Amino acid sequence: MKRDRRRWVPHVTARPRRLKRGLSRARVPCQGQASVEAIALVPLMVAVVLLVWQLAVLVRGSLIAQEQVRAMALPAHGAGMVHVHSSIRVPTLLPGVGVLRIPVRAVVYGP
């Protein structure tokens, strides 16, 4: 009785394919793998977008705070040093961060 060369193997569901040098390689189907990877990437992409957006909000807030302090420091006058302090509240997008404030100060040296 002859044995069938193409008998069933649990991890191989397709017929082996011949390669160039006579070697064969079994094809393993991977249907649905890309959709699983895409579903796994969605939370990671959301987190990356939130981090980049928060960084942009912080940079914009720091520029606004710096402009406010410079505008308050221009009319300041007095002998010696005059300190000008300002703080601006920045909206948070990330959960669990709380309140973000950007403190800025300027020192004006008078005659």
C-alpha atoms as a PDB file:
ATOM      1  CA  MET A   1       0.000   0.000   0.000  1.00  0.00           C
ATOM      2  CA  LYS A   2       1.399   3.364  -1.036  1.00  0.00           C
ATOM      3  CA  ARG A   3       1.449   6.324   1.292  1.00  0.00           C
ATOM      4  CA  ASP A   4       0.057   9.603   0.077  1.00  0.00           C
ATOM      5  CA  ARG A   5       2.779  12.248   0.013  1.00  0.00           C
ATOM      6  CA  ARG A   6       0.309  15.057   0.534  1.00  0.00           C
ATOM      7  CA  ARG A   7      -1.157  13.933   3.785  1.00  0.00           C
ATOM      8  CA  TRP A   8      -2.691  16.428   6.137  1.00  0.00           C
ATOM      9  CA  VAL A   9      -0.471  18.312   8.587  1.00  0.00           C
ATOM     10  CA  PRO A  10      -2.151  20.507  11.248  1.00  0.00           C
ATOM     11  CA  HIS A  11      -0.308  23.780  10.466  1.00  0.00           C
ATOM     12  CA  VAL A  12      -0.302  23.408   6.685  1.00  0.00           C
ATOM     13  CA  THR A  13      -3.588  24.000   4.921  1.00  0.00           C
ATOM     14  CA  ALA A  14      -2.372  24.514   1.385  1.00  0.00           C
ATOM     15  CA  ARG A  15      -0.393  22.418  -1.032  1.00  0.00           C
ATOM     16  CA  PRO A  16       3.399  22.973  -0.884  1.00  0.00           C
ATOM     17  CA  ARG A  17       4.819  25.219  -3.564  1.00  0.00           C
ATOM     18  CA  ARG A  18       8.064  24.525  -5.383  1.00  0.00           C
ATOM     19  CA  LEU A  19      10.899  27.002  -5.014  1.00  0.00           C
ATOM     20  CA  LYS A  20      13.770  27.492  -7.486  1.00  0.00           C
ATOM     21  CA  ARG A  21      16.140  24.785  -6.297  1.00  0.00           C
ATOM     22  CA  GLY A  22      13.648  22.046  -5.843  1.00  0.00           C
ATOM     23  CA  LEU A  23      12.842  22.958  -2.258  1.00  0.00           C
ATOM     24  CA  SER A  24       9.242  23.277  -1.274  1.00  0.00           C
ATOM     25  CA  ARG A  25       7.638  25.582   1.203  1.00  0.00           C
ATOM     26  CA  ALA A  26       4.156  25.258   2.585  1.00  0.00           C
ATOM     27  CA  ARG A  27       1.898  28.270   2.418  1.00  0.00           C
ATOM     28  CA  VAL A  28       0.305  29.228   5.676  1.00  0.00           C
ATOM     29  CA  PRO A  29      -2.799  31.337   5.243  1.00  0.00           C
ATOM     30  CA  CYS A  30      -2.883  34.555   7.234  1.00  0.00           C
ATOM     31  CA  GLN A  31      -6.339  35.824   6.502  1.00  0.00           C
ATOM     32  CA  GLY A  32      -7.448  38.574   8.843  1.00  0.00           C
ATOM     33  CA  GLN A  33      -3.983  39.309  10.240  1.00  0.00           C
ATOM     34  CA  ALA A  34      -3.906  42.835   8.813  1.00  0.00           C
ATOM     35  CA  SER A  35      -7.271  43.702  10.318  1.00  0.00           C
ATOM     36  CA  VAL A  36      -6.139  42.513  13.745  1.00  0.00           C
ATOM     37  CA  GLU A  37      -3.011  44.643  13.487  1.00  0.00           C
ATOM     38  CA  ALA A  38      -5.052  47.658  12.376  1.00  0.00           C
ATOM     39  CA  ILE A  39      -7.409  47.277  15.332  1.00  0.00           C
ATOM     40  CA  ALA A  40      -4.422  47.044  17.672  1.00  0.00           C
ATOM     41  CA  LEU A  41      -2.902  50.223  16.201  1.00  0.00           C
ATOM     42  CA  VAL A  42      -5.988  52.403  16.687  1.00  0.00           C
ATOM     43  CA  PRO A  43      -5.456  53.109  20.430  1.00  0.00           C
ATOM     44  CA  LEU A  44      -1.767  53.737  19.826  1.00  0.00           C
ATOM     45  CA  MET A  45      -2.499  56.226  17.061  1.00  0.00           C
ATOM     46  CA  VAL A  46      -5.074  58.014  19.237  1.00  0.00           C
ATOM     47  CA  ALA A  47      -2.501  58.318  22.038  1.00  0.00           C
ATOM     48  CA  VAL A  48       0.126  59.691  19.637  1.00  0.00           C
ATOM     49  CA  VAL A  49      -2.311  62.262  18.230  1.00  0.00           C
ATOM     50  CA  LEU A  50      -3.273  63.386  21.755  1.00  0.00           C
ATOM     51  CA  LEU A  51       0.370  63.757  22.788  1.00  0.00           C
ATOM     52  CA  VAL A  52       1.246  65.789  19.695  1.00  0.00           C
ATOM     53  CA  TRP A  53      -1.849  67.969  20.149  1.00  0.00           C
ATOM     54  CA  GLN A  54      -0.989  68.563  23.831  1.00  0.00           C
ATOM     55  CA  LEU A  55       2.548  69.530  22.869  1.00  0.00           C
ATOM     56  CA  ALA A  56       1.207  72.005  20.316  1.00  0.00           C
ATOM     57  CA  VAL A  57      -1.130  73.509  22.940  1.00  0.00           C
ATOM     58  CA  LEU A  58       1.756  73.872  25.403  1.00  0.00           C
ATOM     59  CA  VAL A  59       3.986  75.587  22.848  1.00  0.00           C
ATOM     60  CA  ARG A  60       1.212  77.981  21.851  1.00  0.00           C
ATOM     61  CA  GLY A  61       0.433  78.711  25.515  1.00  0.00           C
ATOM     62  CA  SER A  62       4.066  79.446  26.289  1.00  0.00           C
ATOM     63  CA  LEU A  63       4.281  81.876  23.374  1.00  0.00           C
ATOM     64  CA  ILE A  64       1.138  83.673  24.551  1.00  0.00           C
ATOM     65  CA  ALA A  65       2.463  83.867  28.137  1.00  0.00           C
ATOM     66  CA  GLN A  66       5.769  85.255  26.937  1.00  0.00           C
ATOM     67  CA  GLU A  67       3.983  87.950  24.934  1.00  0.00           C
ATOM     68  CA  GLN A  68       1.889  88.902  27.985  1.00  0.00           C
ATOM     69  CA  VAL A  69       4.929  89.255  30.215  1.00  0.00           C
ATOM     70  CA  ARG A  70       6.788  91.347  27.668  1.00  0.00           C
ATOM     71  CA  ALA A  71       3.755  93.630  27.252  1.00  0.00           C
ATOM     72  CA  MET A  72       3.520  94.021  31.063  1.00  0.00           C
ATOM     73  CA  ALA A  73       7.270  94.629  31.376  1.00  0.00           C
ATOM     74  CA  LEU A  74       7.469  97.434  28.802  1.00  0.00           C
ATOM     75  CA  PRO A  75       5.689 100.134  30.846  1.00  0.00           C
ATOM     76  CA  ALA A  76       7.336  98.993  34.098  1.00  0.00           C
ATOM     77  CA  HIS A  77       9.587 101.627  35.545  1.00  0.00           C
ATOM     78  CA  GLY A  78      11.510 102.015  38.715  1.00  0.00           C
ATOM     79  CA  ALA A  79      14.978 102.060  40.094  1.00  0.00           C
ATOM     80  CA  GLY A  80      16.865  98.803  40.123  1.00  0.00           C
ATOM     81  CA  MET A  81      15.154  95.612  39.109  1.00  0.00           C
ATOM     82  CA  VAL A  82      11.449  95.182  38.473  1.00  0.00           C
ATOM     83  CA  HIS A  83      10.062  91.663  38.373  1.00  0.00           C
ATOM     84  CA  VAL A  84       6.990  90.889  36.302  1.00  0.00           C
ATOM     85  CA  HIS A  85       5.236  87.555  36.806  1.00  0.00           C
ATOM     86  CA  SER A  86       2.467  85.989  34.809  1.00  0.00           C
ATOM     87  CA  SER A  87       0.842  82.603  34.593  1.00  0.00           C
ATOM     88  CA  ILE A  88      -1.406  81.258  31.884  1.00  0.00           C
ATOM     89  CA  ARG A  89      -3.677  78.248  32.140  1.00  0.00           C
ATOM     90  CA  VAL A  90      -3.399  75.742  29.305  1.00  0.00           C
ATOM     91  CA  PRO A  91      -6.208  73.310  28.443  1.00  0.00           C
ATOM     92  CA  THR A  92      -5.377  69.652  28.941  1.00  0.00           C
ATOM     93  CA  LEU A  93      -6.242  66.938  26.488  1.00  0.00           C
ATOM     94  CA  LEU A  94      -4.688  63.995  28.258  1.00  0.00           C
ATOM     95  CA  PRO A  95      -6.681  62.240  30.958  1.00  0.00           C
ATOM     96  CA  GLY A  96      -5.343  62.415  34.502  1.00  0.00           C
ATOM     97  CA  VAL A  97      -3.103  65.434  33.957  1.00  0.00           C
ATOM     98  CA  GLY A  98      -5.133  67.989  35.890  1.00  0.00           C
ATOM     99  CA  VAL A  99      -4.520  71.715  35.500  1.00  0.00           C
ATOM    100  CA  LEU A 100      -1.569  72.893  33.455  1.00  0.00           C
ATOM    101  CA  ARG A 101      -0.210  76.364  34.089  1.00  0.00           C
ATOM    102  CA  ILE A 102       2.752  77.953  32.393  1.00  0.00           C
ATOM    103  CA  PRO A 103       4.499  80.394  34.732  1.00  0.00           C
ATOM    104  CA  VAL A 104       6.563  83.128  33.067  1.00  0.00           C
ATOM    105  CA  ARG A 105       8.561  85.958  34.560  1.00  0.00           C
ATOM    106  CA  ALA A 106      10.523  88.894  33.255  1.00  0.00           C
ATOM    107  CA  VAL A 107      13.067  91.124  34.917  1.00  0.00           C
ATOM    108  CA  VAL A 108      13.441  94.761  33.884  1.00  0.00           C
ATOM    109  CA  TYR A 109      16.639  96.562  34.864  1.00  0.00           C
ATOM    110  CA  GLY A 110      16.137 100.269  35.437  1.00  0.00           C
ATOM    111  CA  PRO A 111      18.682 103.045  35.780  1.00  0.00           C
END
